[in-house]
C-alpha atoms as a PDB file:
ATOM      1  CA  MET A   1       0.153  -0.159  -0.304  1.00  0.00           C
ATOM      2  CA  GLU A   2       1.299   3.431  -0.975  1.00  0.00           C
ATOM      3  CA  ASP A   3       1.347   6.146   1.228  1.00  0.00           C
ATOM      4  CA  GLN A   4      -0.973   8.980   0.070  1.00  0.00           C
ATOM      5  CA  PRO A   5       0.971  12.554   0.112  1.00  0.00           C
ATOM      6  CA  VAL A   6      -0.906  14.657   2.597  1.00  0.00           C
ATOM      7  CA  PHE A   7      -2.575  18.086   1.551  1.00  0.00           C
ATOM      8  CA  THR A   8      -3.328  20.748   4.193  1.00  0.00           C
ATOM      9  CA  PRO A   9      -5.585  23.453   2.941  1.00  0.00           C
ATOM     10  CA  MET A  10      -4.565  26.897   2.616  1.00  0.00           C
ATOM     11  CA  ARG A  11      -7.027  29.303   3.736  1.00  0.00           C
ATOM     12  CA  ALA A  12      -6.954  32.793   2.318  1.00  0.00           C
ATOM     13  CA  SER A  13      -8.055  34.025   5.668  1.00  0.00           C
ATOM     14  CA  LEU A  14      -4.610  33.495   6.390  1.00  0.00           C
ATOM     15  CA  ASN A  15      -2.763  35.003   3.901  1.00  0.00           C
ATOM     16  CA  ARG A  16      -5.192  38.756   3.364  1.00  0.00           C
ATOM     17  CA  PRO A  17      -3.753  41.327   5.307  1.00  0.00           C
ATOM     18  CA  GLN A  18      -5.814  42.609   8.235  1.00  0.00           C
ATOM     19  CA  LEU A  19      -6.938  46.099   6.964  1.00  0.00           C
ATOM     20  CA  LEU A  20      -9.706  47.923   8.893  1.00  0.00           C
ATOM     21  CA  MET A  21     -12.085  50.154   7.263  1.00  0.00           C
ATOM     22  CA  GLY A  22      -9.878  49.376   3.645  1.00  0.00           C
ATOM     23  CA  GLY A  23      -6.975  51.173   5.553  1.00  0.00           C
ATOM     24  CA  ASP A  24      -4.183  49.477   7.580  1.00  0.00           C
ATOM     25  CA  ARG A  25      -5.635  48.192  10.953  1.00  0.00           C
ATOM     26  CA  GLU A  26      -3.046  49.886  13.257  1.00  0.00           C
ATOM     27  CA  LEU A  27      -3.144  53.141  12.050  1.00  0.00           C
ATOM     28  CA  VAL A  28      -6.809  53.474  11.653  1.00  0.00           C
ATOM     29  CA  LEU A  29      -7.392  52.343  15.298  1.00  0.00           C
ATOM     30  CA  LEU A  30      -4.219  55.065  15.933  1.00  0.00           C
ATOM     31  CA  SER A  31      -5.774  58.024  13.882  1.00  0.00           C
ATOM     32  CA  GLY A  32      -9.102  56.950  15.713  1.00  0.00           C
ATOM     33  CA  LEU A  33      -8.162  57.189  18.662  1.00  0.00           C
ATOM     34  CA  LEU A  34      -5.917  60.479  18.826  1.00  0.00           C
ATOM     35  CA  LEU A  35      -8.989  62.049  17.161  1.00  0.00           C
ATOM     36  CA  ALA A  36     -11.472  60.795  19.712  1.00  0.00           C
ATOM     37  CA  LEU A  37      -9.007  62.257  22.294  1.00  0.00           C
ATOM     38  CA  VAL A  38      -8.368  66.132  20.978  1.00  0.00           C
ATOM     39  CA  ALA A  39     -12.366  66.068  20.762  1.00  0.00           C
ATOM     40  CA  VAL A  40     -12.975  65.083  24.184  1.00  0.00           C
ATOM     41  CA  SER A  41     -10.303  67.222  25.543  1.00  0.00           C
ATOM     42  CA  VAL A  42     -11.821  70.012  23.705  1.00  0.00           C
ATOM     43  CA  MET A  43     -15.103  69.157  24.453  1.00  0.00           C
ATOM     44  CA  SER A  44     -17.110  71.364  22.249  1.00  0.00           C
ATOM     45  CA  PHE A  45     -19.539  70.579  19.456  1.00  0.00           C
ATOM     46  CA  LEU A  46     -16.920  72.040  16.884  1.00  0.00           C
ATOM     47  CA  SER A  47     -13.868  69.820  18.103  1.00  0.00           C
ATOM     48  CA  PHE A  48     -16.401  66.554  17.684  1.00  0.00           C
ATOM     49  CA  LEU A  49     -17.092  68.007  14.150  1.00  0.00           C
ATOM     50  CA  ILE A  50     -13.507  68.230  13.114  1.00  0.00           C
ATOM     51  CA  ALA A  51     -12.509  65.630  14.339  1.00  0.00           C
ATOM     52  CA  GLY A  52     -15.205  63.691  12.304  1.00  0.00           C
ATOM     53  CA  GLY A  53     -14.060  65.244   9.571  1.00  0.00           C
ATOM     54  CA  SER A  54     -10.772  64.291   9.736  1.00  0.00           C
ATOM     55  CA  PHE A  55     -11.248  61.224  11.012  1.00  0.00           C
ATOM     56  CA  MET A  56     -12.795  60.418   7.475  1.00  0.00           C
ATOM     57  CA  ALA A  57     -10.366  62.353   5.446  1.00  0.00           C
ATOM     58  CA  ILE A  58      -7.852  60.208   6.968  1.00  0.00           C
ATOM     59  CA  VAL A  59      -9.607  56.586   6.155  1.00  0.00           C
ATOM     60  CA  ALA A  60      -9.961  58.040   2.736  1.00  0.00           C
ATOM     61  CA  VAL A  61      -6.117  58.513   2.224  1.00  0.00           C
ATOM     62  CA  LEU A  62      -5.495  55.165   4.429  1.00  0.00           C
ATOM     63  CA  ALA A  63      -8.809  52.770   2.255  1.00  0.00           C
ATOM     64  CA  ARG A  64      -6.720  53.964  -0.645  1.00  0.00           C
ATOM     65  CA  MET A  65      -3.407  53.087   0.466  1.00  0.00           C
ATOM     66  CA  GLY A  66      -4.369  49.819   1.761  1.00  0.00           C
ATOM     67  CA  LYS A  67      -5.777  49.563  -1.932  1.00  0.00           C
ATOM     68  CA  GLU A  68      -2.444  50.516  -3.591  1.00  0.00           C
ATOM     69  CA  ASP A  69      -0.367  48.254  -1.352  1.00  0.00           C
ATOM     70  CA  PRO A  70      -1.703  46.933   2.174  1.00  0.00           C
ATOM     71  CA  LEU A  71       1.922  46.662   3.168  1.00  0.00           C
ATOM     72  CA  MET A  72       2.858  50.170   1.752  1.00  0.00           C
ATOM     73  CA  ARG A  73       3.403  50.785   5.751  1.00  0.00           C
ATOM     74  CA  LYS A  74       5.723  47.949   6.749  1.00  0.00           C
ATOM     75  CA  VAL A  75       7.641  48.681   3.722  1.00  0.00           C
ATOM     76  CA  TYR A  76       7.985  52.405   3.932  1.00  0.00           C
ATOM     77  CA  ALA A  77       8.806  51.503   7.706  1.00  0.00           C
ATOM     78  CA  ARG A  78      11.811  49.252   6.173  1.00  0.00           C
ATOM     79  CA  HIS A  79      12.780  51.371   4.035  1.00  0.00           C
ATOM     80  CA  LEU A  80      13.840  54.222   6.675  1.00  0.00           C
ATOM     81  CA  SER A  81      15.810  51.880   8.213  1.00  0.00           C
ATOM     82  CA  TYR A  82      18.728  51.353   5.122  1.00  0.00           C
ATOM     83  CA  LYS A  83      21.723  53.462   5.186  1.00  0.00           C
ATOM     84  CA  ASP A  84      21.565  55.925   2.129  1.00  0.00           C
ATOM     85  CA  PHE A  85      25.382  54.789   1.604  1.00  0.00           C
ATOM     86  CA  TYR A  86      26.501  51.647   1.980  1.00  0.00           C
ATOM     87  CA  PRO A  87      30.581  51.357   0.975  1.00  0.00           C
ATOM     88  CA  ALA A  88      32.406  48.908  -0.702  1.00  0.00           C
ATOM     89  CA  LYS A  89      33.971  46.411   1.416  1.00  0.00           C
ATOM     90  CA  SER A  90      36.615  43.110   0.916  1.00  0.00           C
ATOM     91  CA  GLY A  91      35.430  40.238   2.493  1.00  0.00           C
ATOM     92  CA  VAL A  92      38.746  39.396   4.916  1.00  0.00           C
ATOM     93  CA  ALA A  93      40.290  43.292   5.177  1.00  0.00           C
ATOM     94  CA  VAL A  94      36.986  44.959   6.545  1.00  0.00           C
ATOM     95  CA  VAL A  95      37.608  47.701   8.355  1.00  0.00           C
ATOM     96  CA  GLY A  96      36.879  47.481  12.264  1.00  0.00           C
ATOM     97  CA  LYS A  97      36.869  43.958  12.974  1.00  0.00           C
ATOM     98  CA  PRO A  98      39.422  42.829  14.272  1.00  0.00           C
ATOM     99  CA  SER A  99      41.434  39.642  13.053  1.00  0.00           C
ATOM    100  CA  ARG A 100      41.333  36.033  13.495  1.00  0.00           C
ATOM    101  CA  ARG A 101      45.287  36.074  13.300  1.00  0.00           C
ATOM    102  CA  GLY A 102      47.170  35.118  16.085  1.00  0.00           C
END
Protein backbone atom coordinates (compact mmCIF):
# COMPACT_ATOMS: atom_id res chain seq x y z
CA MET A 1 0.00 0.00 0.00
CA GLU A 2 1.46 3.35 -1.05
CA ASP A 3 1.41 6.35 1.24
CA GLN A 4 -0.65 9.15 -0.19
CA PRO A 5 0.65 12.71 0.25
CA VAL A 6 -1.06 14.74 2.93
CA PHE A 7 -2.69 17.89 1.64
CA THR A 8 -3.02 20.83 3.98
CA PRO A 9 -5.71 23.33 2.98
CA MET A 10 -4.53 26.94 2.75
CA ARG A 11 -7.20 29.34 3.92
CA ALA A 12 -7.35 32.71 2.18
CA SER A 13 -8.04 34.45 5.48
CA LEU A 14 -4.55 33.54 6.70
CA ASN A 15 -2.87 35.21 3.72
CA ARG A 16 -4.96 38.37 3.42
CA PRO A 17 -3.70 41.54 5.08
CA GLN A 18 -5.76 42.76 8.03
CA LEU A 19 -7.53 45.90 6.89
CA LEU A 20 -10.08 47.95 8.81
CA MET A 21 -12.43 50.14 6.76
CA GLY A 22 -10.12 49.54 3.79
CA GLY A 23 -6.99 50.90 5.49
CA ASP A 24 -4.17 49.48 7.57
CA ARG A 25 -5.68 48.31 10.85
CA GLU A 26 -3.13 49.85 13.19
CA LEU A 27 -3.12 53.24 11.47
CA VAL A 28 -6.93 53.49 11.39
CA LEU A 29 -7.22 52.60 15.07
CA LEU A 30 -4.41 54.97 16.05
CA SER A 31 -5.90 57.88 14.12
CA GLY A 32 -9.34 57.20 15.59
CA LEU A 33 -7.94 57.06 19.10
CA LEU A 34 -5.95 60.29 18.70
CA LEU A 35 -8.83 62.19 17.13
CA ALA A 36 -11.23 60.98 19.82
CA LEU A 37 -8.76 62.16 22.43
CA VAL A 38 -8.58 65.58 20.77
CA ALA A 39 -12.37 65.83 20.51
CA VAL A 40 -12.99 64.83 24.12
CA SER A 41 -10.21 67.00 25.52
CA VAL A 42 -11.67 70.17 23.96
CA MET A 43 -15.28 69.01 24.53
CA SER A 44 -17.11 71.32 22.18
CA PHE A 45 -19.40 70.67 19.25
CA LEU A 46 -16.88 72.18 16.84
CA SER A 47 -14.08 69.90 18.08
CA PHE A 48 -16.26 66.81 17.52
CA LEU A 49 -17.11 68.07 14.04
CA ILE A 50 -13.46 68.72 13.16
CA ALA A 51 -12.35 65.37 14.62
CA GLY A 52 -15.05 63.49 12.70
CA GLY A 53 -14.19 65.20 9.43
CA SER A 54 -10.48 64.63 9.98
CA PHE A 55 -11.09 60.98 10.75
CA MET A 56 -13.10 60.50 7.56
CA ALA A 57 -10.36 62.19 5.51
CA ILE A 58 -7.60 60.12 7.11
CA VAL A 59 -9.54 56.88 6.60
CA ALA A 60 -10.10 57.81 2.94
CA VAL A 61 -6.35 58.30 2.48
CA LEU A 62 -5.55 55.06 4.33
CA ALA A 63 -8.16 53.15 2.29
CA ARG A 64 -6.62 54.40 -0.92
CA MET A 65 -3.18 53.42 0.38
CA GLY A 66 -4.51 49.97 1.36
CA LYS A 67 -6.09 49.51 -2.05
CA GLU A 68 -2.81 50.33 -3.79
CA ASP A 69 -0.59 48.20 -1.56
CA PRO A 70 -1.83 46.72 1.74
CA LEU A 71 1.74 46.37 3.04
CA MET A 72 2.85 49.91 2.16
CA ARG A 73 3.33 50.95 5.80
CA LYS A 74 5.65 48.03 6.53
CA VAL A 75 7.61 48.58 3.32
CA TYR A 76 8.05 52.27 4.13
CA ALA A 77 9.13 51.50 7.70
CA ARG A 78 11.72 49.05 6.39
CA HIS A 79 12.88 51.62 3.84
CA LEU A 80 13.58 54.11 6.64
CA SER A 81 15.97 51.66 8.32
CA TYR A 82 18.24 51.47 5.25
CA LYS A 83 21.30 53.70 4.97
CA ASP A 84 21.75 56.17 2.12
CA PHE A 85 25.17 54.79 1.24
CA TYR A 86 26.82 51.43 1.78
CA PRO A 87 30.59 51.55 1.19
CA ALA A 88 32.23 48.73 -0.72
CA LYS A 89 34.02 46.26 1.55
CA SER A 90 36.19 43.29 0.80
CA GLY A 91 35.68 40.05 2.61
CA VAL A 92 38.85 39.71 4.71
CA ALA A 93 40.17 43.26 5.14
CA VAL A 94 37.05 44.84 6.58
CA VAL A 95 37.86 47.94 8.62
CA GLY A 96 36.81 47.72 12.26
CA LYS A 97 36.70 43.95 12.65
CA PRO A 98 39.45 42.18 14.61
CA SER A 99 41.46 39.64 12.69
CA ARG A 100 41.49 36.00 13.73
CA ARG A 101 45.22 35.68 13.31
CA GLY A 102 47.30 35.13 16.43
